[in-house]
Amino acid sequence: MSDDWTRKQASLPYDVVVIGGGGSGLAAAVTAAERGVKVVVIEKRRTAGGDTALAGGLFGADSSALKRLRAEVRKDDLIKAAMSYSHWKTDPRIIRAFVYKSGDTIDWLEKMGVVFEDINQFLPLQGPRIFHLPAGMGTGVVKILVRKCQELNVKLIYETAAKRILTSKEDGVTGVLATGKEKEVTIAARNMIIASGGYAGNKDLLKKYYPHYTEDLCGIGLPHMGDGLLMAMDIGAATEGLGTLLLRGPYFQGAMDGVHVAMEPNTIWVNKRGERFVDETTGFNWPEAANALNRQPGKICYSLFDDRIKQSFIKSGLIKGYREPPLTKMSELGKVLQAGADRGRVRISESWEEIAAWMGGNPGILKNTIEEFNAFCDKGYDEHFFKDRRFLMPLRTPPYYALKCYQGFLGTIGGIKINHRMEILNHQDDPIPGLYAAGSVAGGWESDTYCLQLSGSAFGFALNSGRIAGENAADRSAGK
């Protein structure tokens, strides 16, 4: 299809077109519309939200909510911590723009009606209060952003997919070719914000860019196909962060109660050989736990516990929690484990030898691992991985449980290279006029291991990068 053909089609003129109606796209659209420009959002799915609808809490520094709690933290310290964590693999200007914007974004959401139910640290290992949990979590934020779009007359077009970015040498971005249910349409716009998510659903791209790919890799977020990334690359955009996944491991494929307990610190994790390979309290920092799992044969492990620990989950609740807070009681855990056993995902046995055979490992190795670990528990000291003694609980009370776990990931992070203004860069690191990226499609803000020291940063970056892109796109449209 030639550009001459597309120019003959009915053209819908806007100041800013946003590709994708997730959290970053909606934040960009609202922000641009608040500055008085005409905005359209095209969304491939039937509803808005994207991965943000699956999100929990978001990062925010120096927000009014934190000031009310007298829980302020220096933004500069957070930036330094994030850069240190990434070993300076990220762009400090992008990190600074994100962190400095984040408190204002929390205030912006509150003014629109978002209520933050809890503001606290997300992890026991994390110091400052930066994690803001909105009522309704990500879904609640999406509903309010959609409502605000409607109030500001932002055009929301669903079930319409962007196919090609249109450009000219003189003007940069000129519009986008999109397809809906029945027709193709050219949307004319001098500014475009790509907020289309990553490529978690595109196996070809995962195999090409992610070096640890296996067929067992479990995608937990939406199966985005990388449309925005590919369109940007087609017009000469540079890339950064390809192959970076928001990893989460070990991940149990089954009911959420099983997902929760598999990563609890009072379980022990063994690889297919039956050997421990990590201090299991890394479950508090699940991206780092995923790194440890990536080194194991087949990227598979087994989370083991006995009936005594199972009863503690039921009667006393979770220690760490994942989608549920600590002390949540797993009253249905017995049924969940039996259902997992019926599906071949869990093994329940009176014998470690039988569990080792089910795992395909060496019974002698697993037996030695359990005996060694139990001895560590008796001494109160883990000689191999120095696990906190609070979580050293021996496995001596049958029946025993083994949950088969894989590498999980919430989505991809990165792909399109941007600067701190969220402008998309070409291969000479010059901005492509009128083209911006926001959210997980953008690179440079996260290294190969997701930084939980800035907990909620994926959700937070989606909204903050969207706002920054929206501001700059609107200003460019207004000639500023």
Protein backbone atom coordinates (compact mmCIF):
# COMPACT_ATOMS: atom_id res chain seq x y z
CA MET A 1 0.00 0.00 0.00
CA SER A 2 1.61 3.29 -1.10
CA ASP A 3 1.67 6.57 0.82
CA ASP A 4 -0.10 8.17 -2.18
CA TRP A 5 -2.99 5.75 -1.64
CA THR A 6 -3.25 6.57 2.06
CA ARG A 7 -3.30 10.32 1.36
CA LYS A 8 -6.47 9.83 -0.66
CA GLN A 9 -8.31 8.33 2.29
CA ALA A 10 -10.52 10.29 4.65
CA SER A 11 -8.20 11.97 7.13
CA LEU A 12 -9.10 12.64 10.76
CA PRO A 13 -6.95 15.56 12.04
CA TYR A 14 -5.77 15.73 15.65
CA ASP A 15 -2.99 17.50 17.50
CA VAL A 16 -1.87 14.36 19.33
CA VAL A 17 -2.59 10.71 18.59
CA VAL A 18 -1.88 8.16 21.33
CA ILE A 19 -1.26 4.54 20.34
CA GLY A 20 -2.54 2.39 23.19
CA GLY A 21 -5.13 2.93 25.91
CA GLY A 22 -3.28 1.50 28.90
CA GLY A 23 -2.11 3.49 31.89
CA SER A 24 0.66 5.32 30.05
CA GLY A 25 -1.55 6.13 27.05
CA LEU A 26 -4.46 7.36 29.17
CA ALA A 27 -2.15 9.48 31.34
CA ALA A 28 -0.62 10.97 28.20
CA ALA A 29 -4.03 11.69 26.68
CA VAL A 30 -5.41 13.38 29.80
CA THR A 31 -2.27 15.46 30.26
CA ALA A 32 -2.22 16.65 26.65
CA ALA A 33 -5.94 17.42 26.68
CA GLU A 34 -5.58 19.41 29.90
CA ARG A 35 -3.28 21.69 27.89
CA GLY A 36 -6.03 22.39 25.40
CA VAL A 37 -5.03 20.27 22.42
CA LYS A 38 -7.16 17.84 20.45
CA VAL A 39 -6.32 14.23 21.36
CA VAL A 40 -7.32 10.81 20.08
CA VAL A 41 -6.46 7.43 21.60
CA ILE A 42 -6.60 4.29 19.48
CA GLU A 43 -6.75 1.02 21.39
CA LYS A 44 -6.44 -2.42 19.84
CA ARG A 45 -8.64 -4.11 22.44
CA ARG A 46 -12.28 -3.64 23.29
CA THR A 47 -11.54 -1.85 26.55
CA ALA A 48 -8.93 0.47 27.98
CA GLY A 49 -6.46 -0.40 30.71
CA GLY A 50 -3.79 -2.67 29.29
CA ASP A 51 -1.42 -4.09 31.87
CA THR A 52 -2.24 -1.20 34.20
CA ALA A 53 -5.59 -2.86 34.87
CA LEU A 54 -3.57 -5.74 36.40
CA ALA A 55 -1.28 -3.48 38.45
CA GLY A 56 -1.25 -3.01 42.21
CA GLY A 57 0.45 0.03 43.69
CA LEU A 58 2.71 2.66 42.22
CA PHE A 59 5.88 4.47 43.11
CA GLY A 60 5.74 8.06 44.25
CA ALA A 61 8.30 10.31 45.94
CA ASP A 62 7.54 13.53 47.81
CA SER A 63 3.79 13.29 47.29
CA SER A 64 1.27 15.25 49.35
CA ALA A 65 0.07 11.92 50.73
CA LEU A 66 3.56 11.22 52.07
CA LYS A 67 3.87 14.72 53.48
CA ARG A 68 0.61 14.22 55.37
CA LEU A 69 2.20 11.16 56.95
CA ARG A 70 5.46 13.02 57.57
CA ALA A 71 7.13 10.22 55.63
CA GLU A 72 9.12 12.30 53.20
CA VAL A 73 12.15 10.87 51.45
CA ARG A 74 14.74 12.75 49.42
CA LYS A 75 14.24 12.26 45.70
CA ASP A 76 17.96 12.56 45.09
CA ASP A 77 18.63 9.63 47.41
CA LEU A 78 16.14 7.47 45.51
CA ILE A 79 17.75 8.38 42.19
CA LYS A 80 21.20 7.50 43.52
CA ALA A 81 19.85 4.19 44.88
CA ALA A 82 18.25 3.33 41.54
CA MET A 83 21.40 4.18 39.58
CA SER A 84 23.54 2.15 41.97
CA TYR A 85 21.17 -0.82 41.71
CA SER A 86 21.39 -0.75 37.91
CA HIS A 87 25.17 -0.23 37.98
CA TRP A 88 24.51 2.82 35.80
CA LYS A 89 23.04 0.76 32.98
CA THR A 90 20.03 3.10 32.92
CA ASP A 91 19.77 6.69 31.71
CA PRO A 92 20.12 8.99 34.76
CA ARG A 93 18.21 11.79 33.03
CA ILE A 94 15.21 9.51 32.47
CA ILE A 95 15.36 8.28 36.07
CA ARG A 96 15.55 11.86 37.35
CA ALA A 97 12.59 12.97 35.21
CA PHE A 98 10.55 10.01 36.43
CA VAL A 99 11.35 10.36 40.13
CA TYR A 100 10.94 14.15 40.19
CA LYS A 101 7.56 13.86 38.45
CA SER A 102 6.25 11.02 40.60
CA GLY A 103 5.02 12.95 43.63
CA ASP A 104 3.17 15.43 41.48
CA THR A 105 1.52 12.52 39.66
CA ILE A 106 0.18 11.11 42.94
CA ASP A 107 -1.28 14.57 43.69
CA TRP A 108 -2.71 14.77 40.16
CA LEU A 109 -4.46 11.45 40.63
CA GLU A 110 -5.85 12.48 44.02
CA LYS A 111 -7.33 15.63 42.49
CA MET A 112 -9.12 13.45 39.94
CA GLY A 113 -10.61 11.32 42.69
CA VAL A 114 -8.14 8.48 43.20
CA VAL A 115 -8.07 7.46 46.86
CA PHE A 116 -4.90 5.90 48.22
CA GLU A 117 -5.85 3.28 50.76
CA ASP A 118 -2.36 2.51 51.97
CA ILE A 119 1.02 4.16 51.68
CA ASN A 120 3.78 1.98 52.97
CA GLN A 121 6.86 0.05 52.10
CA PHE A 122 6.18 -2.81 49.73
CA LEU A 123 8.96 -5.04 50.99
CA PRO A 124 10.38 -5.76 54.44
CA LEU A 125 13.83 -5.10 52.97
CA GLN A 126 12.88 -1.62 51.77
CA GLY A 127 13.23 1.45 53.92
CA PRO A 128 11.40 4.60 52.76
CA ARG A 129 7.67 4.82 52.18
CA ILE A 130 7.21 5.24 48.44
CA PHE A 131 4.57 2.63 47.55
CA HIS A 132 1.08 4.08 47.04
CA LEU A 133 -1.82 1.62 46.85
CA PRO A 134 -4.88 3.15 45.13
CA ALA A 135 -8.43 2.03 45.82
CA GLY A 136 -9.28 -0.56 43.19
CA MET A 137 -5.56 -0.79 42.39
CA GLY A 138 -4.77 -0.41 38.68
CA THR A 139 -8.36 -0.96 37.59
CA GLY A 140 -9.53 1.88 39.83
CA VAL A 141 -6.99 4.28 38.32
CA VAL A 142 -7.95 3.25 34.77
CA LYS A 143 -11.64 3.96 35.41
CA ILE A 144 -10.87 7.45 36.65
CA LEU A 145 -8.51 8.21 33.75
CA VAL A 146 -11.10 7.03 31.22
CA ARG A 147 -13.72 9.23 32.87
CA LYS A 148 -11.34 12.18 32.75
CA CYS A 149 -10.68 11.54 29.05
CA GLN A 150 -14.41 11.71 28.42
CA GLU A 151 -14.72 14.97 30.39
CA LEU A 152 -11.90 16.50 28.31
CA ASN A 153 -13.40 15.30 25.00
CA VAL A 154 -10.54 12.95 24.25
CA LYS A 155 -11.65 10.64 21.44
CA LEU A 156 -11.31 6.98 22.48
CA ILE A 157 -11.41 4.55 19.56
CA TYR A 158 -11.47 0.86 20.50
CA GLU A 159 -10.84 -2.28 18.46
CA THR A 160 -8.59 -0.27 16.18
CA ALA A 161 -4.97 -1.21 15.60
CA ALA A 162 -2.17 1.08 14.46
CA LYS A 163 -0.41 -0.39 11.44
CA ARG A 164 2.04 2.20 10.19
CA ILE A 165 3.50 5.51 11.34
CA LEU A 166 3.34 8.12 8.59
CA THR A 167 6.17 10.63 8.32
CA SER A 168 7.66 13.22 5.99
CA LYS A 169 11.19 14.58 5.75
CA GLU A 170 9.93 18.11 6.34
CA ASP A 171 7.54 17.59 9.24
CA GLY A 172 8.49 14.36 10.97
CA VAL A 173 5.36 12.57 12.15
CA THR A 174 2.28 13.27 10.02
CA GLY A 175 -0.12 10.59 11.26
CA VAL A 176 -0.86 6.91 11.54
CA LEU A 177 -2.52 4.32 9.35
CA ALA A 178 -4.91 2.23 11.45
CA THR A 179 -7.40 -0.55 10.84
CA GLY A 180 -10.68 -1.12 12.62
CA LYS A 181 -13.38 -3.73 12.25
CA GLU A 182 -14.47 -2.74 8.78
CA LYS A 183 -12.13 -0.13 7.36
CA GLU A 184 -8.73 1.49 7.26
CA VAL A 185 -8.35 5.07 8.28
CA THR A 186 -5.55 7.60 8.29
CA ILE A 187 -5.43 9.72 11.43
CA ALA A 188 -3.51 12.90 10.76
CA ALA A 189 -1.49 14.28 13.66
CA ARG A 190 1.77 16.18 14.06
CA ASN A 191 2.51 14.40 17.32
CA MET A 192 2.29 10.75 18.28
CA ILE A 193 2.81 8.96 21.58
CA ILE A 194 3.48 5.23 21.35
CA ALA A 195 2.10 3.62 24.51
CA SER A 196 1.29 0.22 23.09
CA GLY A 197 2.97 -2.01 25.69
CA GLY A 198 5.72 -4.52 25.11
CA TYR A 199 5.94 -7.83 23.26
CA ALA A 200 5.14 -10.44 25.92
CA GLY A 201 2.83 -12.29 23.52
CA ASN A 202 5.24 -12.36 20.58
CA LYS A 203 7.25 -15.58 20.83
CA ASP A 204 9.39 -14.69 17.83
CA LEU A 205 10.56 -11.45 19.47
CA LEU A 206 11.09 -13.15 22.83
CA LYS A 207 13.20 -15.86 21.23
CA LYS A 208 15.17 -13.25 19.29
CA TYR A 209 15.91 -10.85 22.13
CA TYR A 210 15.62 -12.74 25.43
CA PRO A 211 18.66 -15.00 25.89
CA HIS A 212 17.05 -17.20 28.59
CA TYR A 213 13.89 -18.01 26.64
CA THR A 214 12.28 -21.42 27.12
CA GLU A 215 8.91 -22.74 26.02
CA ASP A 216 7.96 -22.94 29.71
CA LEU A 217 8.36 -19.18 30.22
CA CYS A 218 5.09 -18.00 31.80
CA GLY A 219 3.69 -14.66 30.70
CA ILE A 220 1.49 -13.23 33.47
CA GLY A 221 0.53 -9.92 31.86
CA LEU A 222 -1.31 -9.21 28.62
CA PRO A 223 0.07 -10.80 25.43
CA HIS A 224 1.13 -7.59 23.67
CA MET A 225 2.66 -8.26 20.26
CA GLY A 226 5.18 -5.43 20.04
CA ASP A 227 3.25 -3.44 17.42
CA GLY A 228 4.51 -0.06 18.58
CA LEU A 229 8.11 -1.24 18.84
CA LEU A 230 8.07 -2.68 15.33
CA MET A 231 6.43 0.39 13.81
CA ALA A 232 9.00 2.66 15.46
CA MET A 233 11.88 0.50 14.25
CA ASP A 234 10.44 0.60 10.72
CA ILE A 235 10.87 4.38 10.58
CA GLY A 236 14.40 4.39 12.01
CA ALA A 237 13.96 4.47 15.78
CA ALA A 238 16.90 3.25 17.82
CA THR A 239 16.39 0.58 20.46
CA GLU A 240 17.43 0.17 24.07
CA GLY A 241 16.67 -2.54 26.59
CA LEU A 242 15.51 -5.22 24.17
CA GLY A 243 15.36 -8.55 25.95
CA THR A 244 14.63 -7.06 29.39
CA LEU A 245 11.78 -8.82 31.17
CA LEU A 246 10.03 -7.94 34.39
CA LEU A 247 10.84 -11.36 35.78
CA ARG A 248 9.05 -13.04 38.61
CA GLY A 249 10.11 -16.37 39.92
CA PRO A 250 9.64 -19.08 40.94
CA TYR A 251 6.15 -19.01 39.46
CA PHE A 252 3.60 -21.76 40.10
CA GLN A 253 1.10 -22.30 37.30
CA GLY A 254 -2.16 -22.75 39.13
CA ALA A 255 -4.52 -21.19 41.66
CA MET A 256 -3.31 -18.03 43.39
CA ASP A 257 -2.99 -19.75 46.78
CA GLY A 258 -0.33 -21.95 45.20
CA VAL A 259 1.34 -18.95 43.61
CA HIS A 260 1.51 -17.28 47.01
CA VAL A 261 2.94 -20.16 49.05
CA ALA A 262 5.50 -21.23 46.41
CA MET A 263 7.53 -18.08 47.08
CA GLU A 264 7.17 -17.95 50.84
CA PRO A 265 10.49 -17.72 52.74
CA ASN A 266 9.79 -20.74 54.98
CA THR A 267 9.72 -23.10 51.99
CA ILE A 268 12.89 -24.42 50.38
CA TRP A 269 13.62 -24.38 46.67
CA VAL A 270 15.48 -27.10 44.82
CA ASN A 271 16.40 -27.52 41.16
CA LYS A 272 15.69 -30.60 39.05
CA ARG A 273 18.69 -32.34 40.57
CA GLY A 274 17.28 -31.86 44.07
CA GLU A 275 19.80 -29.22 45.17
CA ARG A 276 19.09 -25.92 46.91
CA PHE A 277 20.43 -22.99 44.90
CA VAL A 278 19.51 -19.79 46.74
CA ASP A 279 18.51 -18.20 50.02
CA GLU A 280 14.74 -18.52 49.69
CA THR A 281 14.14 -15.13 51.31
CA THR A 282 15.03 -13.68 47.89
CA GLY A 283 11.31 -14.24 47.36
CA PHE A 284 11.00 -10.85 49.06
CA ASN A 285 12.81 -9.51 45.98
CA TRP A 286 11.31 -11.65 43.26
CA PRO A 287 13.30 -10.27 40.29
CA GLU A 288 16.50 -11.38 42.03
CA ALA A 289 14.90 -14.75 42.80
CA ALA A 290 14.20 -15.02 39.08
CA ASN A 291 17.87 -14.41 38.32
CA ALA A 292 18.82 -17.31 40.56
CA LEU A 293 16.23 -19.53 38.88
CA ASN A 294 17.56 -18.61 35.43
CA ARG A 295 20.82 -20.40 36.28
CA GLN A 296 19.12 -23.72 37.02
CA PRO A 297 18.65 -26.62 34.58
CA GLY A 298 15.62 -25.93 32.41
CA LYS A 299 14.84 -22.77 34.40
CA ILE A 300 12.64 -25.00 36.61
CA CYS A 301 12.57 -25.48 40.36
CA TYR A 302 10.41 -27.06 43.04
CA SER A 303 9.12 -25.33 46.14
CA LEU A 304 9.09 -27.82 49.02
CA PHE A 305 7.40 -27.82 52.43
CA ASP A 306 5.87 -30.24 54.88
CA ASP A 307 2.48 -30.53 56.54
CA ARG A 308 3.54 -28.43 59.51
CA ILE A 309 4.39 -25.51 57.25
CA LYS A 310 1.20 -26.07 55.28
CA GLN A 311 -0.82 -25.79 58.49
CA SER A 312 0.98 -22.55 59.34
CA PHE A 313 -0.17 -21.10 56.00
CA ILE A 314 -3.73 -22.14 56.79
CA LYS A 315 -3.87 -21.07 60.45
CA SER A 316 -1.41 -18.19 60.71
CA GLY A 317 -1.31 -16.95 57.11
CA LEU A 318 1.37 -15.81 54.73
CA ILE A 319 4.68 -14.38 55.84
CA LYS A 320 5.52 -12.41 52.69
CA GLY A 321 2.42 -12.31 50.55
CA TYR A 322 2.32 -11.42 46.88
CA ARG A 323 -1.08 -10.31 45.65
CA GLU A 324 -2.34 -10.79 49.20
CA PRO A 325 -0.85 -9.04 52.24
CA PRO A 326 1.08 -10.81 54.98
CA LEU A 327 -1.00 -12.77 57.54
CA THR A 328 -3.64 -13.61 54.92
CA LYS A 329 -4.84 -17.09 55.85
CA MET A 330 -4.79 -19.70 53.08
CA SER A 331 -7.97 -21.48 54.18
CA GLU A 332 -8.43 -23.23 50.82
CA LEU A 333 -4.82 -24.33 50.48
CA GLY A 334 -5.58 -28.04 50.98
CA LYS A 335 -8.03 -28.04 48.08
CA VAL A 336 -5.65 -26.02 45.92
CA LEU A 337 -2.78 -28.43 46.50
CA GLN A 338 -4.95 -31.45 45.74
CA ALA A 339 -6.21 -29.82 42.54
CA GLY A 340 -2.60 -29.13 41.57
CA ALA A 341 -1.72 -32.76 42.25
CA ASP A 342 -4.61 -33.89 40.03
CA ARG A 343 -3.15 -31.75 37.21
CA GLY A 344 0.40 -33.00 37.71
CA ARG A 345 1.70 -29.67 39.02
CA VAL A 346 2.02 -30.72 42.67
CA ARG A 347 3.28 -33.88 44.29
CA ILE A 348 1.98 -34.92 47.71
CA SER A 349 3.80 -37.85 49.30
CA GLU A 350 4.93 -39.47 52.52
CA SER A 351 8.31 -40.06 50.88
CA TRP A 352 11.02 -37.72 49.61
CA GLU A 353 12.23 -40.56 47.39
CA GLU A 354 8.88 -40.60 45.60
CA ILE A 355 8.96 -36.82 45.19
CA ALA A 356 12.51 -37.03 43.77
CA ALA A 357 11.34 -39.63 41.23
CA TRP A 358 8.45 -37.34 40.23
CA MET A 359 10.91 -34.49 39.78
CA GLY A 360 13.17 -36.67 37.63
CA GLY A 361 16.04 -36.15 40.05
CA ASN A 362 18.33 -38.34 42.11
CA PRO A 363 16.60 -39.54 45.32
CA GLY A 364 19.93 -39.58 47.14
CA ILE A 365 20.66 -35.95 46.30
CA LEU A 366 17.24 -34.73 47.42
CA LYS A 367 17.38 -36.79 50.63
CA ASN A 368 20.80 -35.33 51.43
CA THR A 369 19.52 -31.81 50.71
CA ILE A 370 16.60 -32.23 53.12
CA GLU A 371 18.75 -33.79 55.87
CA GLU A 372 21.35 -31.06 55.49
CA PHE A 373 18.74 -28.31 55.60
CA ASN A 374 17.05 -29.83 58.66
CA ALA A 375 20.43 -29.88 60.42
CA PHE A 376 20.88 -26.18 59.59
CA CYS A 377 17.46 -25.51 61.13
CA ASP A 378 18.45 -27.38 64.29
CA LYS A 379 21.58 -25.24 64.61
CA GLY A 380 19.78 -22.05 63.65
CA TYR A 381 22.34 -21.33 60.96
CA ASP A 382 22.18 -21.93 57.20
CA GLU A 383 25.78 -22.75 56.33
CA HIS A 384 25.24 -22.58 52.57
CA PHE A 385 23.08 -19.51 51.88
CA PHE A 386 22.85 -17.81 55.30
CA LYS A 387 19.06 -17.68 55.30
CA ASP A 388 17.56 -15.60 58.10
CA ARG A 389 17.07 -17.99 61.02
CA ARG A 390 13.49 -16.73 61.49
CA PHE A 391 12.57 -18.67 58.37
CA LEU A 392 14.53 -21.85 59.05
CA MET A 393 11.77 -24.43 59.51
CA PRO A 394 12.70 -28.12 59.18
CA LEU A 395 10.78 -30.45 56.87
CA ARG A 396 10.01 -33.47 59.04
CA THR A 397 6.21 -33.76 59.18
CA PRO A 398 4.65 -35.76 56.33
CA PRO A 399 2.94 -35.56 53.99
CA TYR A 400 5.46 -33.55 52.00
CA TYR A 401 4.58 -31.15 49.19
CA ALA A 402 6.45 -30.20 46.02
CA LEU A 403 5.18 -27.45 43.71
CA LYS A 404 6.69 -27.32 40.23
CA CYS A 405 7.64 -23.74 39.40
CA TYR A 406 8.77 -21.98 36.24
CA GLN A 407 10.19 -18.63 35.30
CA GLY A 408 7.38 -16.07 35.20
CA PHE A 409 7.34 -12.57 33.81
CA LEU A 410 4.86 -9.73 34.07
CA GLY A 411 5.85 -8.25 30.74
CA THR A 412 8.75 -6.90 28.73
CA ILE A 413 10.47 -3.65 29.65
CA GLY A 414 12.06 -1.53 27.00
CA GLY A 415 12.68 -1.55 23.30
CA ILE A 416 12.40 1.98 21.96
CA LYS A 417 15.22 4.36 22.85
CA ILE A 418 14.05 7.65 24.33
CA ASN A 419 15.44 10.69 26.10
CA HIS A 420 14.22 12.33 29.32
CA ARG A 421 11.50 14.18 27.39
CA MET A 422 10.18 10.79 26.21
CA GLU A 423 11.14 11.73 22.64
CA ILE A 424 11.99 8.73 20.47
CA LEU A 425 15.55 8.82 19.19
CA ASN A 426 16.97 7.74 15.86
CA HIS A 427 20.26 5.90 15.39
CA GLN A 428 22.19 9.17 15.70
CA ASP A 429 20.48 9.82 19.08
CA ASP A 430 18.53 12.72 17.61
CA PRO A 431 14.80 13.02 18.39
CA ILE A 432 12.40 12.00 15.62
CA PRO A 433 10.21 15.12 15.39
CA GLY A 434 6.80 14.64 16.96
CA LEU A 435 7.34 11.06 18.11
CA TYR A 436 7.25 10.00 21.78
CA ALA A 437 7.08 6.75 23.75
CA ALA A 438 5.75 5.96 27.21
CA GLY A 439 5.40 2.96 29.47
CA SER A 440 6.90 -0.47 28.98
CA VAL A 441 7.56 0.04 25.26
CA ALA A 442 10.23 2.60 26.19
CA GLY A 443 13.77 1.69 27.21
CA GLY A 444 16.46 3.23 29.36
CA TRP A 445 14.63 3.32 32.70
CA GLU A 446 15.28 -0.22 33.92
CA SER A 447 18.31 -2.48 33.78
CA ASP A 448 18.39 -6.25 33.38
CA THR A 449 16.95 -6.67 36.90
CA TYR A 450 13.80 -4.78 37.89
CA CYS A 451 14.57 -2.43 40.79
CA LEU A 452 12.29 -3.15 43.74
CA GLN A 453 14.05 -0.46 45.74
CA LEU A 454 11.70 1.77 43.76
CA SER A 455 8.76 -0.58 44.31
CA GLY A 456 5.80 0.08 42.06
CA SER A 457 8.08 1.66 39.47
CA ALA A 458 6.56 -0.19 36.47
CA PHE A 459 3.10 1.23 37.24
CA GLY A 460 4.67 4.51 38.28
CA PHE A 461 6.80 4.84 35.16
CA ALA A 462 3.77 4.11 32.97
CA LEU A 463 1.84 7.06 34.38
CA ASN A 464 4.76 9.44 34.78
CA SER A 465 6.28 8.80 31.36
CA GLY A 466 2.81 9.19 29.88
CA ARG A 467 2.38 12.56 31.57
CA ILE A 468 5.82 13.76 30.46
CA ALA A 469 5.17 12.64 26.88
CA GLY A 470 1.73 14.26 26.93
CA GLU A 471 3.12 17.56 28.14
CA ASN A 472 5.85 17.70 25.51
CA ALA A 473 3.61 16.56 22.67
CA ALA A 474 1.01 19.19 23.60
CA ASP A 475 3.64 21.93 23.85
CA ARG A 476 5.04 21.02 20.46
CA SER A 477 1.55 21.10 19.01
CA ALA A 478 1.07 24.57 20.46
CA GLY A 479 4.40 25.70 19.01
CA LYS A 480 6.17 26.00 22.36
